[in-house]
């Protein structure tokens, strides 16, 4: 039950993010639920590998390159998932930041 409630909270956070940031579109609530699953899979399997590969760049930029990685993975979710579109890097960048803040808040609650 707790997992389902978290999933719904992340879905609403994604819908809010798409409402606030121009260039991010989610076509339906079910698509948003599917995008949340895809983002979880990407963040669980692909993100750690990319962070290990880009570790020297992350060290030099004091971790700020992680924001670029998050934006690129957010764009990847837009490419993979039908019904979810991310138009450009800046939309992905700001969308990933807002979604990360929501994710931080949801996980704290």
PDB file of N, CA and C in Angstrom:
ATOM      1  N   UNK A   1       0.816  -1.190   0.000  1.00  0.00           N
ATOM      2  CA  UNK A   1       0.000   0.000   0.000  1.00  0.00           C
ATOM      3  C   UNK A   1       0.869   1.267   0.000  1.00  0.00           C
ATOM      4  N   UNK A   2       1.935   1.255   0.795  1.00  0.00           N
ATOM      5  CA  UNK A   2       2.821   2.412   0.877  1.00  0.00           C
ATOM      6  C   UNK A   2       3.517   2.662  -0.468  1.00  0.00           C
ATOM      7  N   UNK A   3       3.879   1.590  -1.154  1.00  0.00           N
ATOM      8  CA  UNK A   3       4.514   1.727  -2.468  1.00  0.00           C
ATOM      9  C   UNK A   3       3.558   2.368  -3.468  1.00  0.00           C
ATOM     10  N   UNK A   4       2.299   1.970  -3.428  1.00  0.00           N
ATOM     11  CA  UNK A   4       1.301   2.535  -4.339  1.00  0.00           C
ATOM     12  C   UNK A   4       1.077   4.019  -4.061  1.00  0.00           C
ATOM     13  N   UNK A   5       1.030   4.398  -2.803  1.00  0.00           N
ATOM     14  CA  UNK A   5       0.839   5.810  -2.445  1.00  0.00           C
ATOM     15  C   UNK A   5       2.041   6.631  -2.921  1.00  0.00           C
ATOM     16  N   UNK A   6       3.235   6.103  -2.755  1.00  0.00           N
ATOM     17  CA  UNK A   6       4.436   6.802  -3.241  1.00  0.00           C
ATOM     18  C   UNK A   6       4.405   6.964  -4.753  1.00  0.00           C
ATOM     19  N   UNK A   7       3.995   5.900  -5.421  1.00  0.00           N
ATOM     20  CA  UNK A   7       3.899   5.913  -6.869  1.00  0.00           C
ATOM     21  C   UNK A   7       2.926   7.003  -7.329  1.00  0.00           C
ATOM     22  N   UNK A   8       1.786   7.103  -6.652  1.00  0.00           N
ATOM     23  CA  UNK A   8       0.814   8.144  -6.986  1.00  0.00           C
ATOM     24  C   UNK A   8       1.377   9.535  -6.709  1.00  0.00           C
ATOM     25  N   UNK A   9       2.091   9.690  -5.616  1.00  0.00           N
ATOM     26  CA  UNK A   9       2.687  10.998  -5.297  1.00  0.00           C
ATOM     27  C   UNK A   9       3.703  11.406  -6.357  1.00  0.00           C
ATOM     28  N   UNK A  10       4.540  10.469  -6.782  1.00  0.00           N
ATOM     29  CA  UNK A  10       5.510  10.763  -7.832  1.00  0.00           C
ATOM     30  C   UNK A  10       4.803  11.087  -9.146  1.00  0.00           C
ATOM     31  N   UNK A  11       3.689  10.401  -9.403  1.00  0.00           N
ATOM     32  CA  UNK A  11       2.923  10.670 -10.622  1.00  0.00           C
ATOM     33  C   UNK A  11       2.365  12.080 -10.603  1.00  0.00           C
ATOM     34  N   UNK A  12       1.789  12.480  -9.477  1.00  0.00           N
ATOM     35  CA  UNK A  12       1.277  13.848  -9.371  1.00  0.00           C
ATOM     36  C   UNK A  12       2.405  14.875  -9.459  1.00  0.00           C
ATOM     37  N   UNK A  13       3.565  14.541  -8.916  1.00  0.00           N
ATOM     38  CA  UNK A  13       4.721  15.438  -9.019  1.00  0.00           C
ATOM     39  C   UNK A  13       5.147  15.596 -10.476  1.00  0.00           C
ATOM     40  N   UNK A  14       5.120  14.521 -11.235  1.00  0.00           N
ATOM     41  CA  UNK A  14       5.467  14.592 -12.648  1.00  0.00           C
ATOM     42  C   UNK A  14       4.441  15.417 -13.425  1.00  0.00           C
ATOM     43  N   UNK A  15       3.175  15.229 -13.119  1.00  0.00           N
ATOM     44  CA  UNK A  15       2.131  16.004 -13.782  1.00  0.00           C
ATOM     45  C   UNK A  15       2.283  17.491 -13.451  1.00  0.00           C
ATOM     46  N   UNK A  16       2.572  17.803 -12.195  1.00  0.00           N
ATOM     47  CA  UNK A  16       2.794  19.199 -11.813  1.00  0.00           C
ATOM     48  C   UNK A  16       4.005  19.776 -12.539  1.00  0.00           C
ATOM     49  N   UNK A  17       5.062  18.984 -12.641  1.00  0.00           N
ATOM     50  CA  UNK A  17       6.269  19.429 -13.342  1.00  0.00           C
ATOM     51  C   UNK A  17       5.957  19.725 -14.799  1.00  0.00           C
ATOM     52  N   UNK A  18       5.175  18.868 -15.423  1.00  0.00           N
ATOM     53  CA  UNK A  18       4.823  19.107 -16.826  1.00  0.00           C
ATOM     54  C   UNK A  18       3.908  20.316 -16.972  1.00  0.00           C
ATOM     55  N   UNK A  19       3.160  20.624 -15.942  1.00  0.00           N
ATOM     56  CA  UNK A  19       2.285  21.791 -15.976  1.00  0.00           C
ATOM     57  C   UNK A  19       3.096  23.086 -15.810  1.00  0.00           C
ATOM     58  N   UNK A  20       4.138  23.041 -14.998  1.00  0.00           N
ATOM     59  CA  UNK A  20       4.937  24.234 -14.691  1.00  0.00           C
ATOM     60  C   UNK A  20       5.972  24.529 -15.775  1.00  0.00           C
ATOM     61  N   UNK A  21       6.623  23.508 -16.285  1.00  0.00           N
ATOM     62  CA  UNK A  21       7.733  23.693 -17.222  1.00  0.00           C
ATOM     63  C   UNK A  21       7.221  23.589 -18.660  1.00  0.00           C
ATOM     64  N   UNK A  22       7.385  24.636 -19.447  1.00  0.00           N
ATOM     65  CA  UNK A  22       7.005  24.510 -20.863  1.00  0.00           C
ATOM     66  C   UNK A  22       7.987  23.586 -21.582  1.00  0.00           C
ATOM     67  N   UNK A  23       7.468  22.782 -22.477  1.00  0.00           N
ATOM     68  CA  UNK A  23       8.313  21.845 -23.212  1.00  0.00           C
ATOM     69  C   UNK A  23       8.245  20.436 -22.680  1.00  0.00           C
ATOM     70  N   UNK A  24       7.558  20.230 -21.574  1.00  0.00           N
ATOM     71  CA  UNK A  24       7.351  18.881 -21.036  1.00  0.00           C
ATOM     72  C   UNK A  24       5.861  18.592 -21.104  1.00  0.00           C
ATOM     73  N   UNK A  25       5.517  17.505 -21.763  1.00  0.00           N
ATOM     74  CA  UNK A  25       4.104  17.147 -21.914  1.00  0.00           C
ATOM     75  C   UNK A  25       3.859  15.720 -21.503  1.00  0.00           C
ATOM     76  N   UNK A  26       2.825  15.540 -20.705  1.00  0.00           N
ATOM     77  CA  UNK A  26       2.328  14.212 -20.354  1.00  0.00           C
ATOM     78  C   UNK A  26       0.891  14.171 -20.836  1.00  0.00           C
ATOM     79  N   UNK A  27       0.557  13.169 -21.658  1.00  0.00           N
ATOM     80  CA  UNK A  27      -0.743  13.160 -22.310  1.00  0.00           C
ATOM     81  C   UNK A  27      -1.869  12.630 -21.446  1.00  0.00           C
ATOM     82  N   UNK A  28      -1.573  11.765 -20.488  1.00  0.00           N
ATOM     83  CA  UNK A  28      -2.643  11.257 -19.628  1.00  0.00           C
ATOM     84  C   UNK A  28      -2.060  10.824 -18.289  1.00  0.00           C
ATOM     85  N   UNK A  29      -2.950  10.573 -17.359  1.00  0.00           N
ATOM     86  CA  UNK A  29      -2.531  10.130 -16.033  1.00  0.00           C
ATOM     87  C   UNK A  29      -1.847   8.764 -16.099  1.00  0.00           C
ATOM     88  N   UNK A  30      -2.376   7.864 -16.924  1.00  0.00           N
ATOM     89  CA  UNK A  30      -1.753   6.539 -17.066  1.00  0.00           C
ATOM     90  C   UNK A  30      -0.365   6.640 -17.682  1.00  0.00           C
ATOM     91  N   UNK A  31      -0.207   7.546 -18.647  1.00  0.00           N
ATOM     92  CA  UNK A  31       1.131   7.761 -19.207  1.00  0.00           C
ATOM     93  C   UNK A  31       2.093   8.270 -18.143  1.00  0.00           C
ATOM     94  N   UNK A  32       1.608   9.161 -17.274  1.00  0.00           N
ATOM     95  CA  UNK A  32       2.453   9.678 -16.200  1.00  0.00           C
ATOM     96  C   UNK A  32       2.853   8.561 -15.241  1.00  0.00           C
ATOM     97  N   UNK A  33       1.932   7.659 -14.961  1.00  0.00           N
ATOM     98  CA  UNK A  33       2.266   6.524 -14.084  1.00  0.00           C
ATOM     99  C   UNK A  33       3.333   5.642 -14.730  1.00  0.00           C
ATOM    100  N   UNK A  34       3.214   5.438 -16.035  1.00  0.00           N
ATOM    101  CA  UNK A  34       4.196   4.631 -16.758  1.00  0.00           C
ATOM    102  C   UNK A  34       5.553   5.336 -16.801  1.00  0.00           C
ATOM    103  N   UNK A  35       5.547   6.641 -16.975  1.00  0.00           N
ATOM    104  CA  UNK A  35       6.798   7.419 -16.999  1.00  0.00           C
ATOM    105  C   UNK A  35       7.514   7.316 -15.657  1.00  0.00           C
ATOM    106  N   UNK A  36       6.764   7.341 -14.577  1.00  0.00           N
ATOM    107  CA  UNK A  36       7.372   7.224 -13.249  1.00  0.00           C
ATOM    108  C   UNK A  36       8.078   5.873 -13.110  1.00  0.00           C
ATOM    109  N   UNK A  37       7.469   4.823 -13.627  1.00  0.00           N
ATOM    110  CA  UNK A  37       8.109   3.498 -13.585  1.00  0.00           C
ATOM    111  C   UNK A  37       9.380   3.502 -14.434  1.00  0.00           C
ATOM    112  N   UNK A  38       9.300   4.079 -15.632  1.00  0.00           N
ATOM    113  CA  UNK A  38      10.470   4.138 -16.512  1.00  0.00           C
ATOM    114  C   UNK A  38      11.590   4.958 -15.868  1.00  0.00           C
ATOM    115  N   UNK A  39      11.239   6.086 -15.262  1.00  0.00           N
ATOM    116  CA  UNK A  39      12.253   6.900 -14.579  1.00  0.00           C
ATOM    117  C   UNK A  39      12.890   6.141 -13.418  1.00  0.00           C
ATOM    118  N   UNK A  40      12.095   5.365 -12.700  1.00  0.00           N
ATOM    119  CA  UNK A  40      12.648   4.570 -11.598  1.00  0.00           C
ATOM    120  C   UNK A  40      13.624   3.523 -12.120  1.00  0.00           C
ATOM    121  N   UNK A  41      13.285   2.895 -13.232  1.00  0.00           N
ATOM    122  CA  UNK A  41      14.184   1.890 -13.824  1.00  0.00           C
ATOM    123  C   UNK A  41      15.464   2.551 -14.319  1.00  0.00           C
ATOM    124  N   UNK A  42      15.319   3.683 -14.992  1.00  0.00           N
ATOM    125  CA  UNK A  42      16.504   4.404 -15.486  1.00  0.00           C
ATOM    126  C   UNK A  42      17.389   4.827 -14.324  1.00  0.00           C
ATOM    127  N   UNK A  43      16.790   5.385 -13.261  1.00  0.00           N
ATOM    128  CA  UNK A  43      17.578   5.841 -12.117  1.00  0.00           C
ATOM    129  C   UNK A  43      18.183   4.690 -11.334  1.00  0.00           C
ATOM    130  N   UNK A  44      17.611   3.509 -11.426  1.00  0.00           N
ATOM    131  CA  UNK A  44      18.151   2.358 -10.692  1.00  0.00           C
ATOM    132  C   UNK A  44      19.279   1.662 -11.429  1.00  0.00           C
ATOM    133  N   UNK A  45      19.188   1.592 -12.752  1.00  0.00           N
ATOM    134  CA  UNK A  45      20.154   0.789 -13.493  1.00  0.00           C
ATOM    135  C   UNK A  45      21.130   1.602 -14.337  1.00  0.00           C
ATOM    136  N   UNK A  46      20.651   2.606 -15.032  1.00  0.00           N
ATOM    137  CA  UNK A  46      21.509   3.346 -15.959  1.00  0.00           C
ATOM    138  C   UNK A  46      22.279   4.463 -15.251  1.00  0.00           C
ATOM    139  N   UNK A  47      21.608   5.173 -14.359  1.00  0.00           N
ATOM    140  CA  UNK A  47      22.243   6.321 -13.698  1.00  0.00           C
ATOM    141  C   UNK A  47      23.507   5.957 -12.918  1.00  0.00           C
ATOM    142  N   UNK A  48      23.522   4.865 -12.138  1.00  0.00           N
ATOM    143  CA  UNK A  48      24.778   4.535 -11.430  1.00  0.00           C
ATOM    144  C   UNK A  48      25.944   4.258 -12.374  1.00  0.00           C
ATOM    145  N   UNK A  49      25.671   3.617 -13.498  1.00  0.00           N
ATOM    146  CA  UNK A  49      26.745   3.349 -14.458  1.00  0.00           C
ATOM    147  C   UNK A  49      27.293   4.640 -15.052  1.00  0.00           C
ATOM    148  N   UNK A  50      26.401   5.542 -15.406  1.00  0.00           N
ATOM    149  CA  UNK A  50      26.841   6.815 -15.987  1.00  0.00           C
ATOM    150  C   UNK A  50      27.593   7.643 -14.948  1.00  0.00           C
ATOM    151  N   UNK A  51      27.152   7.594 -13.698  1.00  0.00           N
ATOM    152  CA  UNK A  51      27.857   8.356 -12.664  1.00  0.00           C
ATOM    153  C   UNK A  51      29.259   7.811 -12.417  1.00  0.00           C
ATOM    154  N   UNK A  52      29.434   6.511 -12.508  1.00  0.00           N
ATOM    155  CA  UNK A  52      30.776   5.944 -12.349  1.00  0.00           C
ATOM    156  C   UNK A  52      31.668   6.353 -13.516  1.00  0.00           C
ATOM    157  N   UNK A  53      31.106   6.315 -14.724  1.00  0.00           N
ATOM    158  CA  UNK A  53      31.889   6.680 -15.909  1.00  0.00           C
ATOM    159  C   UNK A  53      32.288   8.153 -15.874  1.00  0.00           C
ATOM    160  N   UNK A  54      31.388   9.003 -15.413  1.00  0.00           N
ATOM    161  CA  UNK A  54      31.654  10.444 -15.416  1.00  0.00           C
ATOM    162  C   UNK A  54      32.175  10.951 -14.070  1.00  0.00           C
ATOM    163  N   UNK A  55      32.663  10.076 -13.242  1.00  0.00           N
ATOM    164  CA  UNK A  55      33.145  10.471 -11.923  1.00  0.00           C
ATOM    165  C   UNK A  55      34.239  11.543 -11.967  1.00  0.00           C
ATOM    166  N   UNK A  56      35.230  11.438 -12.855  1.00  0.00           N
ATOM    167  CA  UNK A  56      36.243  12.512 -12.884  1.00  0.00           C
ATOM    168  C   UNK A  56      35.654  13.891 -13.204  1.00  0.00           C
ATOM    169  N   UNK A  57      34.710  13.936 -14.134  1.00  0.00           N
ATOM    170  CA  UNK A  57      34.081  15.214 -14.483  1.00  0.00           C
ATOM    171  C   UNK A  57      33.263  15.725 -13.303  1.00  0.00           C
ATOM    172  N   UNK A  58      32.598  14.825 -12.605  1.00  0.00           N
ATOM    173  CA  UNK A  58      31.811  15.208 -11.435  1.00  0.00           C
ATOM    174  C   UNK A  58      32.705  15.763 -10.327  1.00  0.00           C
ATOM    175  N   UNK A  59      33.855  15.190 -10.158  1.00  0.00           N
ATOM    176  CA  UNK A  59      34.775  15.673  -9.126  1.00  0.00           C
ATOM    177  C   UNK A  59      35.277  17.071  -9.481  1.00  0.00           C
ATOM    178  N   UNK A  60      35.627  17.275 -10.747  1.00  0.00           N
ATOM    179  CA  UNK A  60      36.135  18.568 -11.182  1.00  0.00           C
ATOM    180  C   UNK A  60      35.058  19.650 -11.059  1.00  0.00           C
ATOM    181  N   UNK A  61      33.814  19.306 -11.371  1.00  0.00           N
ATOM    182  CA  UNK A  61      32.734  20.299 -11.317  1.00  0.00           C
ATOM    183  C   UNK A  61      32.035  20.328  -9.965  1.00  0.00           C
ATOM    184  N   UNK A  62      32.611  19.650  -8.982  1.00  0.00           N
ATOM    185  CA  UNK A  62      32.066  19.602  -7.627  1.00  0.00           C
ATOM    186  C   UNK A  62      30.625  19.071  -7.588  1.00  0.00           C
ATOM    187  N   UNK A  63      30.332  18.120  -8.464  1.00  0.00           N
ATOM    188  CA  UNK A  63      29.032  17.465  -8.468  1.00  0.00           C
ATOM    189  C   UNK A  63      27.977  18.120  -9.324  1.00  0.00           C
ATOM    190  N   UNK A  64      28.275  19.273  -9.903  1.00  0.00           N
ATOM    191  CA  UNK A  64      27.279  19.958 -10.724  1.00  0.00           C
ATOM    192  C   UNK A  64      26.971  19.218 -12.027  1.00  0.00           C
ATOM    193  N   UNK A  65      27.889  18.380 -12.466  1.00  0.00           N
ATOM    194  CA  UNK A  65      27.636  17.604 -13.683  1.00  0.00           C
ATOM    195  C   UNK A  65      26.509  16.593 -13.471  1.00  0.00           C
ATOM    196  N   UNK A  66      26.207  16.280 -12.228  1.00  0.00           N
ATOM    197  CA  UNK A  66      25.083  15.387 -11.935  1.00  0.00           C
ATOM    198  C   UNK A  66      23.766  15.978 -12.419  1.00  0.00           C
ATOM    199  N   UNK A  67      23.650  17.298 -12.411  1.00  0.00           N
ATOM    200  CA  UNK A  67      22.449  17.944 -12.934  1.00  0.00           C
ATOM    201  C   UNK A  67      22.300  17.695 -14.427  1.00  0.00           C
ATOM    202  N   UNK A  68      23.409  17.715 -15.138  1.00  0.00           N
ATOM    203  CA  UNK A  68      23.386  17.430 -16.575  1.00  0.00           C
ATOM    204  C   UNK A  68      22.995  15.976 -16.805  1.00  0.00           C
ATOM    205  N   UNK A  69      23.541  15.080 -16.000  1.00  0.00           N
ATOM    206  CA  UNK A  69      23.198  13.662 -16.122  1.00  0.00           C
ATOM    207  C   UNK A  69      21.712  13.455 -15.881  1.00  0.00           C
ATOM    208  N   UNK A  70      21.165  14.082 -14.847  1.00  0.00           N
ATOM    209  CA  UNK A  70      19.733  13.966 -14.562  1.00  0.00           C
ATOM    210  C   UNK A  70      18.898  14.471 -15.731  1.00  0.00           C
ATOM    211  N   UNK A  71      19.294  15.598 -16.313  1.00  0.00           N
ATOM    212  CA  UNK A  71      18.544  16.149 -17.445  1.00  0.00           C
ATOM    213  C   UNK A  71      18.598  15.213 -18.647  1.00  0.00           C
ATOM    214  N   UNK A  72      19.754  14.647 -18.919  1.00  0.00           N
ATOM    215  CA  UNK A  72      19.871  13.730 -20.052  1.00  0.00           C
ATOM    216  C   UNK A  72      19.057  12.455 -19.836  1.00  0.00           C
ATOM    217  N   UNK A  73      19.030  11.959 -18.618  1.00  0.00           N
ATOM    218  CA  UNK A  73      18.229  10.772 -18.335  1.00  0.00           C
ATOM    219  C   UNK A  73      16.738  11.093 -18.389  1.00  0.00           C
ATOM    220  N   UNK A  74      16.362  12.307 -18.013  1.00  0.00           N
ATOM    221  CA  UNK A  74      14.973  12.752 -18.137  1.00  0.00           C
ATOM    222  C   UNK A  74      14.577  12.817 -19.614  1.00  0.00           C
ATOM    223  N   UNK A  75      15.496  13.300 -20.449  1.00  0.00           N
ATOM    224  CA  UNK A  75      15.248  13.318 -21.888  1.00  0.00           C
ATOM    225  C   UNK A  75      15.154  11.900 -22.443  1.00  0.00           C
ATOM    226  N   UNK A  76      15.973  10.994 -21.928  1.00  0.00           N
ATOM    227  CA  UNK A  76      15.913   9.596 -22.352  1.00  0.00           C
ATOM    228  C   UNK A  76      14.546   8.995 -22.050  1.00  0.00           C
ATOM    229  N   UNK A  77      14.000   9.312 -20.898  1.00  0.00           N
ATOM    230  CA  UNK A  77      12.659   8.835 -20.559  1.00  0.00           C
ATOM    231  C   UNK A  77      11.635   9.391 -21.535  1.00  0.00           C
ATOM    232  N   UNK A  78      11.830  10.621 -21.986  1.00  0.00           N
ATOM    233  CA  UNK A  78      10.932  11.204 -22.974  1.00  0.00           C
ATOM    234  C   UNK A  78      11.017  10.521 -24.323  1.00  0.00           C
ATOM    235  N   UNK A  79      12.201  10.024 -24.666  1.00  0.00           N
ATOM    236  CA  UNK A  79      12.374   9.318 -25.932  1.00  0.00           C
ATOM    237  C   UNK A  79      11.774   7.917 -25.851  1.00  0.00           C
ATOM    238  N   UNK A  80      11.970   7.256 -24.729  1.00  0.00           N
ATOM    239  CA  UNK A  80      11.529   5.868 -24.573  1.00  0.00           C
ATOM    240  C   UNK A  80      10.027   5.760 -24.405  1.00  0.00           C
ATOM    241  N   UNK A  81       9.435   6.643 -23.637  1.00  0.00           N
ATOM    242  CA  UNK A  81       8.062   6.485 -23.194  1.00  0.00           C
ATOM    243  C   UNK A  81       7.082   7.162 -24.147  1.00  0.00           C
ATOM    244  N   UNK A  82       6.092   6.416 -24.639  1.00  0.00           N
ATOM    245  CA  UNK A  82       5.050   7.062 -25.449  1.00  0.00           C
ATOM    246  C   UNK A  82       4.124   7.881 -24.552  1.00  0.00           C
ATOM    247  N   UNK A  83       3.687   9.015 -25.060  1.00  0.00           N
ATOM    248  CA  UNK A  83       2.793   9.876 -24.291  1.00  0.00           C
ATOM    249  C   UNK A  83       3.510  10.819 -23.352  1.00  0.00           C
ATOM    250  N   UNK A  84       4.826  10.886 -23.458  1.00  0.00           N
ATOM    251  CA  UNK A  84       5.630  11.781 -22.628  1.00  0.00           C
ATOM    252  C   UNK A  84       6.681  12.409 -23.524  1.00  0.00           C
ATOM    253  N   UNK A  85       6.667  13.730 -23.608  1.00  0.00           N
ATOM    254  CA  UNK A  85       7.596  14.423 -24.486  1.00  0.00           C
ATOM    255  C   UNK A  85       8.375  15.490 -23.720  1.00  0.00           C
ATOM    256  N   UNK A  86       9.658  15.528 -24.004  1.00  0.00           N
ATOM    257  CA  UNK A  86      10.535  16.564 -23.478  1.00  0.00           C
ATOM    258  C   UNK A  86      11.171  17.225 -24.699  1.00  0.00           C
ATOM    259  N   UNK A  87      10.906  18.511 -24.877  1.00  0.00           N
ATOM    260  CA  UNK A  87      11.287  19.179 -26.125  1.00  0.00           C
ATOM    261  C   UNK A  87      12.756  19.560 -26.229  1.00  0.00           C
ATOM    262  N   UNK A  88      13.407  19.890 -25.151  1.00  0.00           N
ATOM    263  CA  UNK A  88      14.793  20.318 -25.267  1.00  0.00           C
ATOM    264  C   UNK A  88      15.546  20.120 -23.968  1.00  0.00           C
ATOM    265  N   UNK A  89      16.831  20.444 -24.039  1.00  0.00           N
ATOM    266  CA  UNK A  89      17.676  20.236 -22.870  1.00  0.00           C
ATOM    267  C   UNK A  89      17.268  21.128 -21.704  1.00  0.00           C
ATOM    268  N   UNK A  90      16.939  22.390 -21.968  1.00  0.00           N
ATOM    269  CA  UNK A  90      16.574  23.287 -20.868  1.00  0.00           C
ATOM    270  C   UNK A  90      15.288  22.839 -20.175  1.00  0.00           C
ATOM    271  N   UNK A  91      14.330  22.374 -20.956  1.00  0.00           N
ATOM    272  CA  UNK A  91      13.108  21.833 -20.350  1.00  0.00           C
ATOM    273  C   UNK A  91      13.428  20.620 -19.492  1.00  0.00           C
ATOM    274  N   UNK A  92      14.289  19.758 -20.006  1.00  0.00           N
ATOM    275  CA  UNK A  92      14.686  18.570 -19.246  1.00  0.00           C
ATOM    276  C   UNK A  92      15.468  18.959 -17.994  1.00  0.00           C
ATOM    277  N   UNK A  93      16.326  19.952 -18.124  1.00  0.00           N
ATOM    278  CA  UNK A  93      17.136  20.401 -16.997  1.00  0.00           C
ATOM    279  C   UNK A  93      16.256  20.907 -15.862  1.00  0.00           C
ATOM    280  N   UNK A  94      15.370  21.859 -16.169  1.00  0.00           N
ATOM    281  CA  UNK A  94      14.507  22.418 -15.132  1.00  0.00           C
ATOM    282  C   UNK A  94      13.482  21.406 -14.647  1.00  0.00           C
ATOM    283  N   UNK A  95      12.998  20.575 -15.552  1.00  0.00           N
ATOM    284  CA  UNK A  95      12.051  19.538 -15.152  1.00  0.00           C
ATOM    285  C   UNK A  95      12.674  18.533 -14.203  1.00  0.00           C
ATOM    286  N   UNK A  96      13.909  18.145 -14.478  1.00  0.00           N
ATOM    287  CA  UNK A  96      14.574  17.181 -13.593  1.00  0.00           C
ATOM    288  C   UNK A  96      14.874  17.799 -12.229  1.00  0.00           C
ATOM    289  N   UNK A  97      15.175  19.100 -12.203  1.00  0.00           N
ATOM    290  CA  UNK A  97      15.424  19.753 -10.914  1.00  0.00           C
ATOM    291  C   UNK A  97      14.141  19.804 -10.089  1.00  0.00           C
ATOM    292  N   UNK A  98      13.044  20.221 -10.711  1.00  0.00           N
ATOM    293  CA  UNK A  98      11.779  20.302  -9.976  1.00  0.00           C
ATOM    294  C   UNK A  98      11.326  18.919  -9.525  1.00  0.00           C
ATOM    295  N   UNK A  99      11.433  17.941 -10.414  1.00  0.00           N
ATOM    296  CA  UNK A  99      11.040  16.577 -10.039  1.00  0.00           C
ATOM    297  C   UNK A  99      11.936  16.024  -8.933  1.00  0.00           C
ATOM    298  N   UNK A 100      13.213  16.365  -8.952  1.00  0.00           N
ATOM    299  CA  UNK A 100      14.114  15.928  -7.887  1.00  0.00           C
ATOM    300  C   UNK A 100      13.744  16.547  -6.545  1.00  0.00           C
ATOM    301  N   UNK A 101      13.351  17.810  -6.564  1.00  0.00           N
ATOM    302  CA  UNK A 101      12.913  18.453  -5.319  1.00  0.00           C
ATOM    303  C   UNK A 101      11.647  17.798  -4.778  1.00  0.00           C
ATOM    304  N   UNK A 102      10.710  17.507  -5.665  1.00  0.00           N
ATOM    305  CA  UNK A 102       9.501  16.804  -5.235  1.00  0.00           C
ATOM    306  C   UNK A 102       9.842  15.413  -4.694  1.00  0.00           C
ATOM    307  N   UNK A 103      10.740  14.720  -5.369  1.00  0.00           N
ATOM    308  CA  UNK A 103      11.149  13.387  -4.942  1.00  0.00           C
ATOM    309  C   UNK A 103      11.793  13.445  -3.555  1.00  0.00           C
ATOM    310  N   UNK A 104      12.618  14.445  -3.340  1.00  0.00           N
ATOM    311  CA  UNK A 104      13.233  14.631  -2.023  1.00  0.00           C
ATOM    312  C   UNK A 104      12.159  14.851  -0.951  1.00  0.00           C
ATOM    313  N   UNK A 105      11.204  15.717  -1.253  1.00  0.00           N
ATOM    314  CA  UNK A 105      10.129  15.983  -0.303  1.00  0.00           C
ATOM    315  C   UNK A 105       9.258  14.771  -0.046  1.00  0.00           C
ATOM    316  N   UNK A 106       8.928  14.026  -1.088  1.00  0.00           N
ATOM    317  CA  UNK A 106       8.083  12.836  -0.926  1.00  0.00           C
ATOM    318  C   UNK A 106       8.809  11.771  -0.113  1.00  0.00           C
ATOM    319  N   UNK A 107      10.091  11.584  -0.381  1.00  0.00           N
ATOM    320  CA  UNK A 107      10.832  10.558   0.358  1.00  0.00           C
ATOM    321  C   UNK A 107      11.026  10.953   1.823  1.00  0.00           C
ATOM    322  N   UNK A 108      11.063  12.254   2.130  1.00  0.00           N
ATOM    323  CA  UNK A 108      11.194  12.706   3.514  1.00  0.00           C
ATOM    324  C   UNK A 108       9.905  12.471   4.308  1.00  0.00           C
ATOM    325  N   UNK A 109       8.778  12.581   3.613  1.00  0.00           N
ATOM    326  CA  UNK A 109       7.479  12.407   4.288  1.00  0.00           C
ATOM    327  C   UNK A 109       7.263  10.934   4.488  1.00  0.00           C
TER     328      UNK A 109
END
